[in-house]
C-alpha atoms as a PDB file:
ATOM      1  CA  MET A   1     107.878  78.550-134.550  1.00  0.00           C
ATOM      2  CA  THR A   2     109.468  75.463-136.181  1.00  0.00           C
ATOM      3  CA  ARG A   3     113.031  74.909-135.002  1.00  0.00           C
ATOM      4  CA  ALA A   4     115.934  74.395-137.385  1.00  0.00           C
ATOM      5  CA  LEU A   5     116.791  70.899-138.551  1.00  0.00           C
ATOM      6  CA  ARG A   6     119.841  69.498-136.764  1.00  0.00           C
ATOM      7  CA  ILE A   7     122.065  67.463-139.068  1.00  0.00           C
ATOM      8  CA  LEU A   8     125.300  65.611-138.318  1.00  0.00           C
ATOM      9  CA  VAL A   9     127.635  64.490-141.117  1.00  0.00           C
ATOM     10  CA  TRP A  10     129.839  61.618-139.894  1.00  0.00           C
ATOM     11  CA  ASN A  11     132.858  60.395-141.846  1.00  0.00           C
ATOM     12  CA  GLU A  12     135.484  58.006-140.536  1.00  0.00           C
ATOM     13  CA  GLY A  13     138.082  60.433-141.940  1.00  0.00           C
ATOM     14  CA  VAL A  14     140.750  57.775-142.410  1.00  0.00           C
ATOM     15  CA  HIS A  15     141.359  58.381-146.114  1.00  0.00           C
ATOM     16  CA  GLU A  16     141.955  62.043-145.349  1.00  0.00           C
ATOM     17  CA  SER A  17     144.292  61.362-142.416  1.00  0.00           C
ATOM     18  CA  LEU A  18     146.376  58.913-144.464  1.00  0.00           C
ATOM     19  CA  ASN A  19     146.312  61.113-147.583  1.00  0.00           C
ATOM     20  CA  GLU A  20     144.994  58.104-149.503  1.00  0.00           C
ATOM     21  CA  PRO A  21     144.580  58.609-152.392  1.00  0.00           C
ATOM     22  CA  ALA A  22     147.302  61.236-152.701  1.00  0.00           C
ATOM     23  CA  HIS A  23     144.972  63.711-154.418  1.00  0.00           C
ATOM     24  CA  ILE A  24     142.188  63.550-151.802  1.00  0.00           C
ATOM     25  CA  GLY A  25     143.381  66.814-150.270  1.00  0.00           C
ATOM     26  CA  GLU A  26     142.957  68.527-153.627  1.00  0.00           C
ATOM     27  CA  ILE A  27     139.385  67.386-154.240  1.00  0.00           C
ATOM     28  CA  TYR A  28     138.296  67.392-150.584  1.00  0.00           C
ATOM     29  CA  PRO A  29     140.460  69.950-148.731  1.00  0.00           C
ATOM     30  CA  ASP A  30     138.023  69.901-145.798  1.00  0.00           C
ATOM     31  CA  GLY A  31     137.405  66.167-146.017  1.00  0.00           C
ATOM     32  CA  MET A  32     134.475  64.400-147.613  1.00  0.00           C
ATOM     33  CA  HIS A  33     132.400  65.306-144.574  1.00  0.00           C
ATOM     34  CA  GLY A  34     133.262  68.960-145.170  1.00  0.00           C
ATOM     35  CA  ALA A  35     132.123  68.809-148.797  1.00  0.00           C
ATOM     36  CA  ILE A  36     128.894  67.026-147.881  1.00  0.00           C
ATOM     37  CA  ALA A  37     128.189  69.559-145.131  1.00  0.00           C
ATOM     38  CA  ASP A  38     128.881  72.464-147.498  1.00  0.00           C
ATOM     39  CA  GLY A  39     126.360  71.100-149.974  1.00  0.00           C
ATOM     40  CA  LEU A  40     123.723  70.761-147.271  1.00  0.00           C
ATOM     41  CA  ARG A  41     124.377  74.297-146.012  1.00  0.00           C
ATOM     42  CA  GLU A  42     123.918  75.584-149.544  1.00  0.00           C
ATOM     43  CA  LEU A  43     120.568  73.839-150.065  1.00  0.00           C
ATOM     44  CA  LEU A  44     119.260  73.833-146.474  1.00  0.00           C
ATOM     45  CA  PRO A  45     120.305  77.303-145.307  1.00  0.00           C
ATOM     46  CA  GLY A  46     118.168  77.236-142.174  1.00  0.00           C
ATOM     47  CA  ALA A  47     119.595  73.965-140.859  1.00  0.00           C
ATOM     48  CA  GLU A  48     122.176  73.493-138.115  1.00  0.00           C
ATOM     49  CA  ILE A  49     124.873  71.293-139.643  1.00  0.00           C
ATOM     50  CA  SER A  50     127.875  69.821-137.841  1.00  0.00           C
ATOM     51  CA  THR A  51     130.506  67.185-138.619  1.00  0.00           C
ATOM     52  CA  ALA A  52     132.376  64.452-136.755  1.00  0.00           C
ATOM     53  CA  THR A  53     134.883  61.720-137.569  1.00  0.00           C
ATOM     54  CA  LEU A  54     136.126  58.468-136.102  1.00  0.00           C
ATOM     55  CA  ALA A  55     138.862  60.372-134.272  1.00  0.00           C
ATOM     56  CA  SER A  56     136.397  62.809-132.689  1.00  0.00           C
ATOM     57  CA  THR A  57     136.221  62.613-128.926  1.00  0.00           C
ATOM     58  CA  PRO A  58     134.429  61.456-126.991  1.00  0.00           C
ATOM     59  CA  GLU A  59     132.945  58.323-128.588  1.00  0.00           C
ATOM     60  CA  HIS A  60     133.611  59.197-132.253  1.00  0.00           C
ATOM     61  CA  GLY A  61     131.544  62.351-131.774  1.00  0.00           C
ATOM     62  CA  LEU A  62     128.416  60.219-131.370  1.00  0.00           C
ATOM     63  CA  THR A  63     127.592  60.592-127.697  1.00  0.00           C
ATOM     64  CA  GLU A  64     124.117  60.155-126.275  1.00  0.00           C
ATOM     65  CA  GLU A  65     123.771  63.922-125.977  1.00  0.00           C
ATOM     66  CA  VAL A  66     124.792  64.495-129.606  1.00  0.00           C
ATOM     67  CA  LEU A  67     122.485  61.839-131.019  1.00  0.00           C
ATOM     68  CA  ALA A  68     119.561  62.981-128.886  1.00  0.00           C
ATOM     69  CA  SER A  69     119.814  66.399-130.524  1.00  0.00           C
ATOM     70  CA  THR A  70     120.328  65.087-134.077  1.00  0.00           C
ATOM     71  CA  ASP A  71     117.410  64.859-136.506  1.00  0.00           C
ATOM     72  CA  VAL A  72     119.386  63.216-139.317  1.00  0.00           C
ATOM     73  CA  LEU A  73     122.771  61.481-139.275  1.00  0.00           C
ATOM     74  CA  LEU A  74     124.747  61.003-142.515  1.00  0.00           C
ATOM     75  CA  TRP A  75     127.295  58.157-142.421  1.00  0.00           C
ATOM     76  CA  TRP A  76     130.344  57.637-144.666  1.00  0.00           C
ATOM     77  CA  GLY A  77     132.761  54.818-143.932  1.00  0.00           C
ATOM     78  CA  HIS A  78     135.167  52.546-145.791  1.00  0.00           C
ATOM     79  CA  MET A  79     138.542  51.611-144.325  1.00  0.00           C
ATOM     80  CA  ALA A  80     137.705  51.452-140.635  1.00  0.00           C
ATOM     81  CA  HIS A  81     134.277  49.859-140.191  1.00  0.00           C
ATOM     82  CA  GLY A  82     135.701  47.527-137.556  1.00  0.00           C
ATOM     83  CA  GLU A  83     137.137  50.400-135.531  1.00  0.00           C
ATOM     84  CA  VAL A  84     133.721  51.864-134.758  1.00  0.00           C
ATOM     85  CA  ASP A  85     132.958  51.018-131.144  1.00  0.00           C
ATOM     86  CA  ASP A  86     130.126  48.499-130.756  1.00  0.00           C
ATOM     87  CA  ALA A  87     128.600  50.547-127.946  1.00  0.00           C
ATOM     88  CA  VAL A  88     128.372  53.519-130.309  1.00  0.00           C
ATOM     89  CA  VAL A  89     126.717  51.333-132.953  1.00  0.00           C
ATOM     90  CA  GLU A  90     124.150  50.163-130.385  1.00  0.00           C
ATOM     91  CA  ARG A  91     123.467  53.784-129.462  1.00  0.00           C
ATOM     92  CA  VAL A  92     122.972  54.872-133.077  1.00  0.00           C
ATOM     93  CA  HIS A  93     120.748  51.832-133.663  1.00  0.00           C
ATOM     94  CA  ARG A  94     118.552  52.768-130.713  1.00  0.00           C
ATOM     95  CA  HIS A  95     118.190  56.344-131.923  1.00  0.00           C
ATOM     96  CA  VAL A  96     117.270  55.250-135.440  1.00  0.00           C
ATOM     97  CA  LEU A  97     114.588  52.934-134.076  1.00  0.00           C
ATOM     98  CA  GLY A  98     113.370  55.855-132.001  1.00  0.00           C
ATOM     99  CA  GLY A  99     112.995  58.110-135.043  1.00  0.00           C
ATOM    100  CA  MET A 100     116.357  59.640-135.971  1.00  0.00           C
ATOM    101  CA  GLY A 101     116.872  59.746-139.738  1.00  0.00           C
ATOM    102  CA  LEU A 102     119.908  57.987-141.227  1.00  0.00           C
ATOM    103  CA  LEU A 103     121.552  58.486-144.615  1.00  0.00           C
ATOM    104  CA  VAL A 104     124.149  55.809-145.404  1.00  0.00           C
ATOM    105  CA  LEU A 105     126.555  56.814-148.163  1.00  0.00           C
ATOM    106  CA  HIS A 106     128.618  54.824-150.681  1.00  0.00           C
ATOM    107  CA  SER A 107     130.863  52.268-148.932  1.00  0.00           C
ATOM    108  CA  GLY A 108     128.883  52.800-145.741  1.00  0.00           C
ATOM    109  CA  HIS A 109     126.893  49.789-146.981  1.00  0.00           C
ATOM    110  CA  PHE A 110     129.438  47.690-145.073  1.00  0.00           C
ATOM    111  CA  SER A 111     129.186  49.737-141.877  1.00  0.00           C
ATOM    112  CA  LYS A 112     128.215  47.962-138.688  1.00  0.00           C
ATOM    113  CA  ILE A 113     125.127  50.133-138.295  1.00  0.00           C
ATOM    114  CA  PHE A 114     123.764  49.483-141.801  1.00  0.00           C
ATOM    115  CA  ILE A 115     124.289  45.717-141.548  1.00  0.00           C
ATOM    116  CA  LYS A 116     122.690  45.669-138.092  1.00  0.00           C
ATOM    117  CA  LEU A 117     119.640  47.613-139.256  1.00  0.00           C
ATOM    118  CA  LEU A 118     119.127  45.589-142.439  1.00  0.00           C
ATOM    119  CA  GLY A 119     120.075  42.138-141.150  1.00  0.00           C
ATOM    120  CA  THR A 120     121.842  40.994-144.341  1.00  0.00           C
ATOM    121  CA  SER A 121     125.450  40.933-145.562  1.00  0.00           C
ATOM    122  CA  CYS A 122     124.962  44.126-147.658  1.00  0.00           C
ATOM    123  CA  SER A 123     127.605  42.756-150.047  1.00  0.00           C
ATOM    124  CA  LEU A 124     127.825  43.809-153.693  1.00  0.00           C
ATOM    125  CA  ALA A 125     129.984  43.697-156.825  1.00  0.00           C
ATOM    126  CA  TRP A 126     132.520  46.455-157.445  1.00  0.00           C
ATOM    127  CA  ARG A 127     135.237  47.655-159.790  1.00  0.00           C
ATOM    128  CA  ASN A 128     137.148  50.915-159.554  1.00  0.00           C
ATOM    129  CA  ASP A 129     138.098  51.950-163.091  1.00  0.00           C
ATOM    130  CA  GLY A 130     136.714  55.488-162.978  1.00  0.00           C
ATOM    131  CA  GLU A 131     133.748  54.701-165.231  1.00  0.00           C
ATOM    132  CA  ARG A 132     130.828  56.908-166.112  1.00  0.00           C
ATOM    133  CA  GLU A 133     127.758  56.382-163.926  1.00  0.00           C
ATOM    134  CA  LEU A 134     124.219  57.286-164.932  1.00  0.00           C
ATOM    135  CA  VAL A 135     121.856  57.574-161.970  1.00  0.00           C
ATOM    136  CA  TRP A 136     118.294  56.979-163.196  1.00  0.00           C
ATOM    137  CA  ASN A 137     115.308  58.349-161.312  1.00  0.00           C
ATOM    138  CA  VAL A 138     112.813  55.473-161.288  1.00  0.00           C
ATOM    139  CA  LYS A 139     110.360  56.975-158.781  1.00  0.00           C
ATOM    140  CA  PRO A 140     109.870  60.644-159.732  1.00  0.00           C
ATOM    141  CA  SER A 141     106.959  60.963-157.298  1.00  0.00           C
ATOM    142  CA  HIS A 142     109.241  60.362-154.296  1.00  0.00           C
ATOM    143  CA  PRO A 143     110.311  63.454-152.296  1.00  0.00           C
ATOM    144  CA  ILE A 144     113.968  62.416-152.542  1.00  0.00           C
ATOM    145  CA  SER A 145     113.900  62.688-156.344  1.00  0.00           C
ATOM    146  CA  GLU A 146     112.135  66.062-156.438  1.00  0.00           C
ATOM    147  CA  GLY A 147     113.811  68.450-158.875  1.00  0.00           C
ATOM    148  CA  VAL A 148     116.644  66.006-159.631  1.00  0.00           C
ATOM    149  CA  ALA A 149     117.939  65.558-163.193  1.00  0.00           C
ATOM    150  CA  ASN A 150     117.172  62.263-164.917  1.00  0.00           C
ATOM    151  CA  PRO A 151     119.676  60.820-165.331  1.00  0.00           C
ATOM    152  CA  ILE A 152     122.336  62.287-163.099  1.00  0.00           C
ATOM    153  CA  ILE A 153     125.545  62.004-165.102  1.00  0.00           C
ATOM    154  CA  ILE A 154     128.684  61.311-163.060  1.00  0.00           C
ATOM    155  CA  PRO A 155     131.745  61.268-165.358  1.00  0.00           C
ATOM    156  CA  GLU A 156     133.968  59.125-163.105  1.00  0.00           C
ATOM    157  CA  GLN A 157     132.927  56.867-160.291  1.00  0.00           C
ATOM    158  CA  GLU A 158     133.607  53.492-158.707  1.00  0.00           C
ATOM    159  CA  MET A 159     131.280  50.834-160.092  1.00  0.00           C
ATOM    160  CA  TYR A 160     128.877  49.155-157.692  1.00  0.00           C
ATOM    161  CA  GLY A 161     126.856  46.275-159.169  1.00  0.00           C
ATOM    162  CA  GLU A 162     124.307  43.635-158.373  1.00  0.00           C
ATOM    163  CA  LEU A 163     123.709  41.480-156.529  1.00  0.00           C
ATOM    164  CA  PHE A 164     123.335  43.976-153.709  1.00  0.00           C
ATOM    165  CA  ASP A 165     122.428  41.772-150.738  1.00  0.00           C
ATOM    166  CA  ILE A 166     119.827  43.928-149.021  1.00  0.00           C
ATOM    167  CA  PRO A 167     116.203  43.256-148.076  1.00  0.00           C
ATOM    168  CA  ASP A 168     113.557  44.473-150.490  1.00  0.00           C
ATOM    169  CA  PRO A 169     113.530  48.242-149.925  1.00  0.00           C
ATOM    170  CA  ASP A 170     110.451  50.254-149.064  1.00  0.00           C
ATOM    171  CA  ASP A 171     111.176  52.427-152.100  1.00  0.00           C
ATOM    172  CA  LEU A 172     113.523  52.025-155.044  1.00  0.00           C
ATOM    173  CA  VAL A 173     114.250  55.625-156.004  1.00  0.00           C
ATOM    174  CA  PHE A 174     117.392  55.404-158.160  1.00  0.00           C
ATOM    175  CA  ILE A 175     119.035  52.746-160.339  1.00  0.00           C
ATOM    176  CA  SER A 176     122.537  53.327-161.692  1.00  0.00           C
ATOM    177  CA  SER A 177     124.011  52.000-164.916  1.00  0.00           C
ATOM    178  CA  PHE A 178     127.722  51.893-165.682  1.00  0.00           C
ATOM    179  CA  ALA A 179     129.860  51.974-168.785  1.00  0.00           C
ATOM    180  CA  GLY A 180     130.857  48.346-168.156  1.00  0.00           C
ATOM    181  CA  GLY A 181     127.231  47.205-168.439  1.00  0.00           C
ATOM    182  CA  GLU A 182     126.378  46.727-164.764  1.00  0.00           C
ATOM    183  CA  VAL A 183     123.338  48.128-162.973  1.00  0.00           C
ATOM    184  CA  PHE A 184     122.882  48.846-159.270  1.00  0.00           C
ATOM    185  CA  ARG A 185     120.063  49.857-156.915  1.00  0.00           C
ATOM    186  CA  SER A 186     121.833  53.063-155.957  1.00  0.00           C
ATOM    187  CA  GLY A 187     119.071  54.872-154.051  1.00  0.00           C
ATOM    188  CA  VAL A 188     116.811  52.897-151.701  1.00  0.00           C
ATOM    189  CA  THR A 189     114.780  53.613-148.571  1.00  0.00           C
ATOM    190  CA  PHE A 190     113.925  51.558-145.524  1.00  0.00           C
ATOM    191  CA  THR A 191     111.963  52.050-142.324  1.00  0.00           C
ATOM    192  CA  ARG A 192     113.255  50.517-139.122  1.00  0.00           C
ATOM    193  CA  GLY A 193     111.224  51.157-135.990  1.00  0.00           C
ATOM    194  CA  LYS A 194     110.207  54.803-136.320  1.00  0.00           C
ATOM    195  CA  GLY A 195     113.353  55.774-138.221  1.00  0.00           C
ATOM    196  CA  ARG A 196     113.699  56.509-141.932  1.00  0.00           C
ATOM    197  CA  ILE A 197     116.821  55.266-143.734  1.00  0.00           C
ATOM    198  CA  PHE A 198     118.107  56.272-147.179  1.00  0.00           C
ATOM    199  CA  TYR A 199     121.074  54.564-148.808  1.00  0.00           C
ATOM    200  CA  PHE A 200     122.712  56.439-151.710  1.00  0.00           C
ATOM    201  CA  SER A 201     125.788  54.982-153.386  1.00  0.00           C
ATOM    202  CA  PRO A 202     127.412  57.742-155.525  1.00  0.00           C
ATOM    203  CA  GLY A 203     130.381  59.248-153.680  1.00  0.00           C
ATOM    204  CA  ASP A 204     133.880  57.769-153.561  1.00  0.00           C
ATOM    205  CA  GLN A 205     137.128  59.077-152.104  1.00  0.00           C
ATOM    206  CA  GLU A 206     138.805  58.925-155.535  1.00  0.00           C
ATOM    207  CA  TYR A 207     136.431  61.323-157.293  1.00  0.00           C
ATOM    208  CA  PRO A 208     134.861  64.733-156.527  1.00  0.00           C
ATOM    209  CA  VAL A 209     131.308  63.362-156.517  1.00  0.00           C
ATOM    210  CA  TYR A 210     130.235  65.268-153.396  1.00  0.00           C
ATOM    211  CA  HIS A 211     130.779  68.530-155.282  1.00  0.00           C
ATOM    212  CA  HIS A 212     128.282  67.429-157.965  1.00  0.00           C
ATOM    213  CA  ALA A 213     125.222  69.706-157.852  1.00  0.00           C
ATOM    214  CA  GLU A 214     122.693  66.932-158.487  1.00  0.00           C
ATOM    215  CA  VAL A 215     124.253  64.606-155.914  1.00  0.00           C
ATOM    216  CA  ARG A 216     124.064  67.427-153.384  1.00  0.00           C
ATOM    217  CA  LYS A 217     120.402  67.933-154.245  1.00  0.00           C
ATOM    218  CA  VAL A 218     119.663  64.250-153.652  1.00  0.00           C
ATOM    219  CA  LEU A 219     121.372  64.376-150.242  1.00  0.00           C
ATOM    220  CA  ALA A 220     119.463  67.518-149.233  1.00  0.00           C
ATOM    221  CA  ASN A 221     116.192  65.931-150.343  1.00  0.00           C
ATOM    222  CA  GLY A 222     117.110  62.784-148.441  1.00  0.00           C
ATOM    223  CA  VAL A 223     117.721  64.747-145.271  1.00  0.00           C
ATOM    224  CA  LYS A 224     114.366  66.510-145.558  1.00  0.00           C
ATOM    225  CA  TRP A 225     112.608  63.190-146.134  1.00  0.00           C
ATOM    226  CA  ALA A 226     114.336  61.387-143.265  1.00  0.00           C
ATOM    227  CA  ALA A 227     113.904  64.168-140.705  1.00  0.00           C
ATOM    228  CA  GLN A 228     111.064  63.899-138.186  1.00  0.00           C
ATOM    229  CA  PRO A 229     111.882  66.745-135.800  1.00  0.00           C
ATOM    230  CA  GLY A 230     108.516  66.747-134.048  1.00  0.00           C
ATOM    231  CA  LEU A 231     108.597  63.035-133.244  1.00  0.00           C
ATOM    232  CA  GLU A 232     109.128  61.922-129.675  1.00  0.00           C
ATOM    233  CA  ARG A 233     112.446  60.018-129.700  1.00  0.00           C
ATOM    234  CA  ARG A 234     111.495  56.723-128.142  1.00  0.00           C
ATOM    235  CA  GLU A 235     112.402  53.231-129.316  1.00  0.00           C
ATOM    236  CA  PRO A 236     109.298  51.029-129.860  1.00  0.00           C
ATOM    237  CA  GLY A 237     108.847  48.658-126.955  1.00  0.00           C
ATOM    238  CA  VAL A 238     106.486  46.227-125.270  1.00  0.00           C
ATOM    239  CA  SER A 239     103.499  47.643-123.424  1.00  0.00           C
ATOM    240  CA  ASN A 240     101.073  45.861-121.118  1.00  0.00           C
ATOM    241  CA  LEU A 241      97.672  47.454-121.623  1.00  0.00           C
ATOM    242  CA  GLN A 242      95.144  46.807-118.907  1.00  0.00           C
ATOM    243  CA  ALA A 243      91.497  46.144-119.697  1.00  0.00           C
ATOM    244  CA  GLY A 244      89.431  49.299-119.714  1.00  0.00           C
ATOM    245  CA  TRP A 245      92.306  51.579-120.693  1.00  0.00           C
ATOM    246  CA  TYR A 246      90.278  52.822-123.630  1.00  0.00           C
ATOM    247  CA  GLU A 247      86.968  54.407-122.853  1.00  0.00           C
ATOM    248  CA  PRO A 248      85.233  55.679-125.992  1.00  0.00           C
ATOM    249  CA  ALA A 249      83.646  59.077-125.821  1.00  0.00           C
ATOM    250  CA  PRO A 250      79.923  58.903-125.194  1.00  0.00           C
ATOM    251  CA  VAL A 251      77.726  59.363-128.232  1.00  0.00           C
ATOM    252  CA  VAL A 252      75.763  62.590-127.903  1.00  0.00           C
END
């Protein structure tokens, strides 16, 4: 019998603790992590879904034991990237290389873990005027875009624009356009080691984007794509194969 997927939604939780913006408690009464987790529970009813924040103890809620039992980690960060312990980042990095899935959300593009995995600045253009965002599905054959509206219409959202300083992605799944004329590679995938990574930009603390049905569908699809529950969690490493290790079966 296939076991349930184990999913951890991580959010630094600083906006919520500071009540910044002042209306965040109205749109996200259980925090952004709570809204994201609720959407996943709705669409992945058989999964085991938990949450953690920067203030979670021990080790931001990202201990070795927790990560070892996590199939997919979702990461939202913004105000406190520098407060994430480097030892925790190294641990998450090792688990991703070993096969844990990782979904990096919105301003998580500047997280230590995303920059470490991608090896670039991950910088971009931005403007927060509450503009309409259209999220265009440019790879309808990809599992992450299955059953998703084209375009996803988000009435108000922070603008992210090019140039987005990332390596060429494995897959470009979504491109967003904004009322101001900008475009942005808003849904991209990468493989690092044995781990699958999906970056998805819609979702800001100012707006109720994580209640949007189509955004929730994308995140659920992303989790299913990134999960590899049957994979042995081991970071790729050097091996020293001795001559004769492979003996082909005799031809009968």
